[in-house]
N, C-alpha and C. Protein backbone atom coordinates (compact mmCIF):
# COMPACT_ATOMS: atom_id res chain seq x y z
N MET A 1 10.07 6.88 -42.04
CA MET A 1 10.88 6.83 -40.83
C MET A 1 12.09 5.95 -41.07
N ASP A 2 13.19 6.39 -40.55
CA ASP A 2 14.41 5.61 -40.70
C ASP A 2 14.56 4.66 -39.50
N ALA A 3 15.55 3.82 -39.57
CA ALA A 3 15.77 2.79 -38.55
C ALA A 3 16.09 3.40 -37.19
N LEU A 4 16.79 4.51 -37.17
CA LEU A 4 17.14 5.15 -35.90
C LEU A 4 15.89 5.64 -35.17
N SER A 5 14.95 6.23 -35.90
CA SER A 5 13.71 6.71 -35.29
C SER A 5 12.89 5.56 -34.72
N ILE A 6 12.80 4.49 -35.47
CA ILE A 6 12.08 3.31 -35.00
C ILE A 6 12.76 2.73 -33.77
N GLY A 7 14.07 2.68 -33.78
CA GLY A 7 14.82 2.18 -32.62
C GLY A 7 14.59 3.02 -31.38
N ILE A 8 14.57 4.33 -31.55
CA ILE A 8 14.33 5.24 -30.42
C ILE A 8 12.92 5.03 -29.87
N ILE A 9 11.94 4.89 -30.75
CA ILE A 9 10.56 4.68 -30.31
C ILE A 9 10.44 3.35 -29.56
N LEU A 10 11.03 2.31 -30.09
CA LEU A 10 10.99 1.00 -29.43
C LEU A 10 11.69 1.04 -28.07
N PHE A 11 12.83 1.70 -28.00
CA PHE A 11 13.56 1.81 -26.74
C PHE A 11 12.74 2.59 -25.70
N ALA A 12 12.15 3.70 -26.12
CA ALA A 12 11.36 4.52 -25.21
C ALA A 12 10.13 3.76 -24.71
N THR A 13 9.50 3.02 -25.60
CA THR A 13 8.32 2.24 -25.22
C THR A 13 8.69 1.13 -24.25
N ALA A 14 9.76 0.42 -24.54
CA ALA A 14 10.20 -0.66 -23.65
C ALA A 14 10.60 -0.12 -22.28
N THR A 15 11.29 1.00 -22.26
CA THR A 15 11.70 1.62 -21.00
C THR A 15 10.49 2.07 -20.19
N ALA A 16 9.51 2.64 -20.86
CA ALA A 16 8.29 3.09 -20.16
C ALA A 16 7.53 1.91 -19.58
N LEU A 17 7.42 0.83 -20.32
CA LEU A 17 6.74 -0.37 -19.81
C LEU A 17 7.48 -0.96 -18.62
N LEU A 18 8.78 -1.03 -18.69
CA LEU A 18 9.59 -1.54 -17.60
C LEU A 18 9.43 -0.67 -16.35
N PHE A 19 9.44 0.65 -16.55
CA PHE A 19 9.24 1.57 -15.43
C PHE A 19 7.88 1.36 -14.78
N LYS A 20 6.85 1.19 -15.60
CA LYS A 20 5.50 0.98 -15.09
C LYS A 20 5.43 -0.31 -14.26
N ILE A 21 6.04 -1.37 -14.74
CA ILE A 21 6.02 -2.65 -14.03
C ILE A 21 6.76 -2.54 -12.70
N VAL A 22 7.93 -1.93 -12.71
CA VAL A 22 8.71 -1.77 -11.48
C VAL A 22 7.96 -0.90 -10.48
N LEU A 23 7.40 0.19 -10.93
CA LEU A 23 6.65 1.08 -10.06
C LEU A 23 5.42 0.37 -9.47
N TYR A 24 4.71 -0.39 -10.28
CA TYR A 24 3.54 -1.14 -9.81
C TYR A 24 3.94 -2.12 -8.71
N ARG A 25 5.02 -2.85 -8.92
CA ARG A 25 5.46 -3.81 -7.91
C ARG A 25 5.88 -3.12 -6.61
N LYS A 26 6.56 -2.00 -6.72
CA LYS A 26 6.97 -1.26 -5.53
C LYS A 26 5.77 -0.74 -4.76
N ILE A 27 4.78 -0.23 -5.48
CA ILE A 27 3.58 0.27 -4.82
C ILE A 27 2.84 -0.87 -4.13
N CYS A 28 2.74 -2.03 -4.78
CA CYS A 28 2.10 -3.18 -4.15
C CYS A 28 2.84 -3.59 -2.89
N ASN A 29 4.17 -3.57 -2.93
CA ASN A 29 4.97 -3.92 -1.77
C ASN A 29 4.75 -2.91 -0.64
N TRP A 30 4.70 -1.62 -0.99
CA TRP A 30 4.46 -0.59 0.03
C TRP A 30 3.09 -0.78 0.67
N MET A 31 2.08 -1.11 -0.14
CA MET A 31 0.73 -1.33 0.40
C MET A 31 0.71 -2.54 1.33
N ASP A 32 1.41 -3.60 0.94
CA ASP A 32 1.48 -4.79 1.79
C ASP A 32 2.15 -4.48 3.13
N GLN A 33 3.26 -3.74 3.07
CA GLN A 33 3.97 -3.40 4.30
C GLN A 33 3.13 -2.49 5.19
N ASP A 34 2.39 -1.58 4.57
CA ASP A 34 1.52 -0.69 5.33
C ASP A 34 0.40 -1.49 6.00
N LEU A 35 -0.16 -2.46 5.28
CA LEU A 35 -1.19 -3.31 5.85
C LEU A 35 -0.65 -4.10 7.03
N LEU A 36 0.55 -4.67 6.86
CA LEU A 36 1.16 -5.45 7.94
C LEU A 36 1.41 -4.59 9.18
N LYS A 37 1.91 -3.38 8.97
CA LYS A 37 2.15 -2.49 10.11
C LYS A 37 0.86 -2.12 10.81
N GLY A 38 -0.19 -1.89 10.04
CA GLY A 38 -1.47 -1.56 10.62
C GLY A 38 -2.06 -2.72 11.40
N LEU A 39 -1.95 -3.92 10.85
CA LEU A 39 -2.49 -5.09 11.53
C LEU A 39 -1.68 -5.47 12.76
N ALA A 40 -0.37 -5.21 12.72
CA ALA A 40 0.50 -5.57 13.85
C ALA A 40 0.31 -4.64 15.04
N GLN A 41 -0.13 -3.42 14.79
CA GLN A 41 -0.39 -2.44 15.85
C GLN A 41 0.81 -2.26 16.79
N GLY A 42 2.00 -2.21 16.21
CA GLY A 42 3.20 -1.95 17.00
C GLY A 42 3.78 -3.17 17.69
N ASN A 43 3.19 -4.33 17.51
CA ASN A 43 3.68 -5.56 18.13
C ASN A 43 4.69 -6.22 17.19
N PRO A 44 5.99 -6.24 17.56
CA PRO A 44 6.99 -6.79 16.65
C PRO A 44 6.82 -8.29 16.39
N ASP A 45 6.35 -9.05 17.38
CA ASP A 45 6.14 -10.48 17.17
C ASP A 45 5.02 -10.73 16.18
N LYS A 46 3.96 -9.95 16.32
CA LYS A 46 2.83 -10.08 15.41
C LYS A 46 3.23 -9.66 13.99
N HIS A 47 4.04 -8.62 13.89
CA HIS A 47 4.51 -8.15 12.58
C HIS A 47 5.36 -9.22 11.91
N LYS A 48 6.25 -9.83 12.66
CA LYS A 48 7.11 -10.88 12.12
C LYS A 48 6.26 -12.07 11.66
N PHE A 49 5.28 -12.45 12.47
CA PHE A 49 4.39 -13.56 12.12
C PHE A 49 3.64 -13.26 10.83
N LEU A 50 3.10 -12.05 10.71
CA LEU A 50 2.34 -11.68 9.52
C LEU A 50 3.23 -11.61 8.28
N CYS A 51 4.46 -11.15 8.46
CA CYS A 51 5.41 -11.12 7.33
C CYS A 51 5.70 -12.53 6.82
N GLN A 52 5.89 -13.45 7.75
CA GLN A 52 6.14 -14.84 7.36
C GLN A 52 4.94 -15.42 6.62
N GLN A 53 3.75 -15.13 7.13
CA GLN A 53 2.54 -15.63 6.49
C GLN A 53 2.37 -15.04 5.08
N LEU A 54 2.69 -13.77 4.93
CA LEU A 54 2.58 -13.13 3.62
C LEU A 54 3.56 -13.76 2.63
N GLU A 55 4.78 -14.03 3.08
CA GLU A 55 5.76 -14.67 2.20
C GLU A 55 5.30 -16.06 1.78
N GLU A 56 4.71 -16.80 2.70
CA GLU A 56 4.19 -18.13 2.37
C GLU A 56 3.05 -18.03 1.36
N MET A 57 2.18 -17.03 1.54
CA MET A 57 1.08 -16.85 0.59
C MET A 57 1.60 -16.49 -0.79
N LYS A 58 2.62 -15.65 -0.84
CA LYS A 58 3.20 -15.29 -2.13
C LYS A 58 3.84 -16.50 -2.79
N ALA A 59 4.48 -17.37 -2.00
CA ALA A 59 5.10 -18.57 -2.54
C ALA A 59 4.04 -19.54 -3.08
N GLU A 60 2.89 -19.56 -2.42
CA GLU A 60 1.79 -20.42 -2.85
C GLU A 60 0.94 -19.77 -3.94
N LYS A 61 1.28 -18.53 -4.29
CA LYS A 61 0.61 -17.76 -5.33
C LYS A 61 -0.88 -17.55 -5.03
N VAL A 62 -1.14 -17.16 -3.77
CA VAL A 62 -2.49 -16.80 -3.38
C VAL A 62 -2.79 -15.43 -3.98
N LYS A 63 -4.01 -15.25 -4.46
CA LYS A 63 -4.37 -13.98 -5.09
C LYS A 63 -4.30 -12.85 -4.07
N ARG A 64 -4.02 -11.67 -4.57
CA ARG A 64 -3.80 -10.50 -3.73
C ARG A 64 -5.00 -10.15 -2.84
N LYS A 65 -6.20 -10.20 -3.39
CA LYS A 65 -7.40 -9.90 -2.60
C LYS A 65 -7.55 -10.90 -1.46
N GLN A 66 -7.26 -12.14 -1.73
CA GLN A 66 -7.35 -13.17 -0.70
C GLN A 66 -6.26 -13.00 0.35
N GLN A 67 -5.09 -12.54 -0.06
CA GLN A 67 -3.99 -12.32 0.88
C GLN A 67 -4.40 -11.34 1.97
N HIS A 68 -5.01 -10.24 1.58
CA HIS A 68 -5.39 -9.22 2.54
C HIS A 68 -6.45 -9.73 3.51
N ALA A 69 -7.42 -10.48 2.99
CA ALA A 69 -8.46 -11.04 3.86
C ALA A 69 -7.85 -12.07 4.82
N LEU A 70 -6.98 -12.91 4.30
CA LEU A 70 -6.35 -13.94 5.14
C LEU A 70 -5.45 -13.31 6.20
N LEU A 71 -4.73 -12.27 5.83
CA LEU A 71 -3.86 -11.60 6.81
C LEU A 71 -4.68 -10.96 7.92
N THR A 72 -5.82 -10.40 7.58
CA THR A 72 -6.69 -9.81 8.60
C THR A 72 -7.19 -10.89 9.56
N ASP A 73 -7.59 -12.03 9.00
CA ASP A 73 -8.03 -13.15 9.84
C ASP A 73 -6.89 -13.67 10.71
N LEU A 74 -5.71 -13.79 10.14
CA LEU A 74 -4.55 -14.27 10.90
C LEU A 74 -4.18 -13.31 12.03
N ALA A 75 -4.33 -12.03 11.79
CA ALA A 75 -4.03 -11.04 12.84
C ALA A 75 -4.99 -11.20 14.01
N GLN A 76 -6.25 -11.45 13.70
CA GLN A 76 -7.24 -11.68 14.77
C GLN A 76 -6.94 -12.97 15.52
N GLN A 77 -6.56 -14.00 14.79
CA GLN A 77 -6.23 -15.28 15.43
C GLN A 77 -5.00 -15.15 16.30
N PHE A 78 -4.04 -14.35 15.87
CA PHE A 78 -2.82 -14.14 16.66
C PHE A 78 -3.16 -13.51 17.99
N GLU A 79 -4.07 -12.55 17.98
CA GLU A 79 -4.48 -11.88 19.23
C GLU A 79 -5.17 -12.87 20.16
N GLN A 80 -5.97 -13.78 19.60
CA GLN A 80 -6.68 -14.74 20.44
C GLN A 80 -5.74 -15.78 21.03
N MET A 81 -4.64 -16.08 20.31
CA MET A 81 -3.66 -17.05 20.81
C MET A 81 -2.87 -16.48 21.98
N ARG A 82 -2.68 -15.19 22.01
CA ARG A 82 -1.86 -14.57 23.06
C ARG A 82 -2.66 -14.24 24.25
């Protein structure tokens, strides 16, 4: 194999990995937004509150499985506060 073939293979592999990472992050974001919309049940104040809580959890690097459980608990607590 010549250098050009190796370069093409490396470029294609790097591009595929980058695409996979970007797609994975987008899908995770879509799932989070879908969860927030479902938990908010059309209440814009509740949706805003849950979005803020999710951003704080991401900043604190809470694991994804824990985020969903905590958001569900926070949604229930929000309903009890109102």
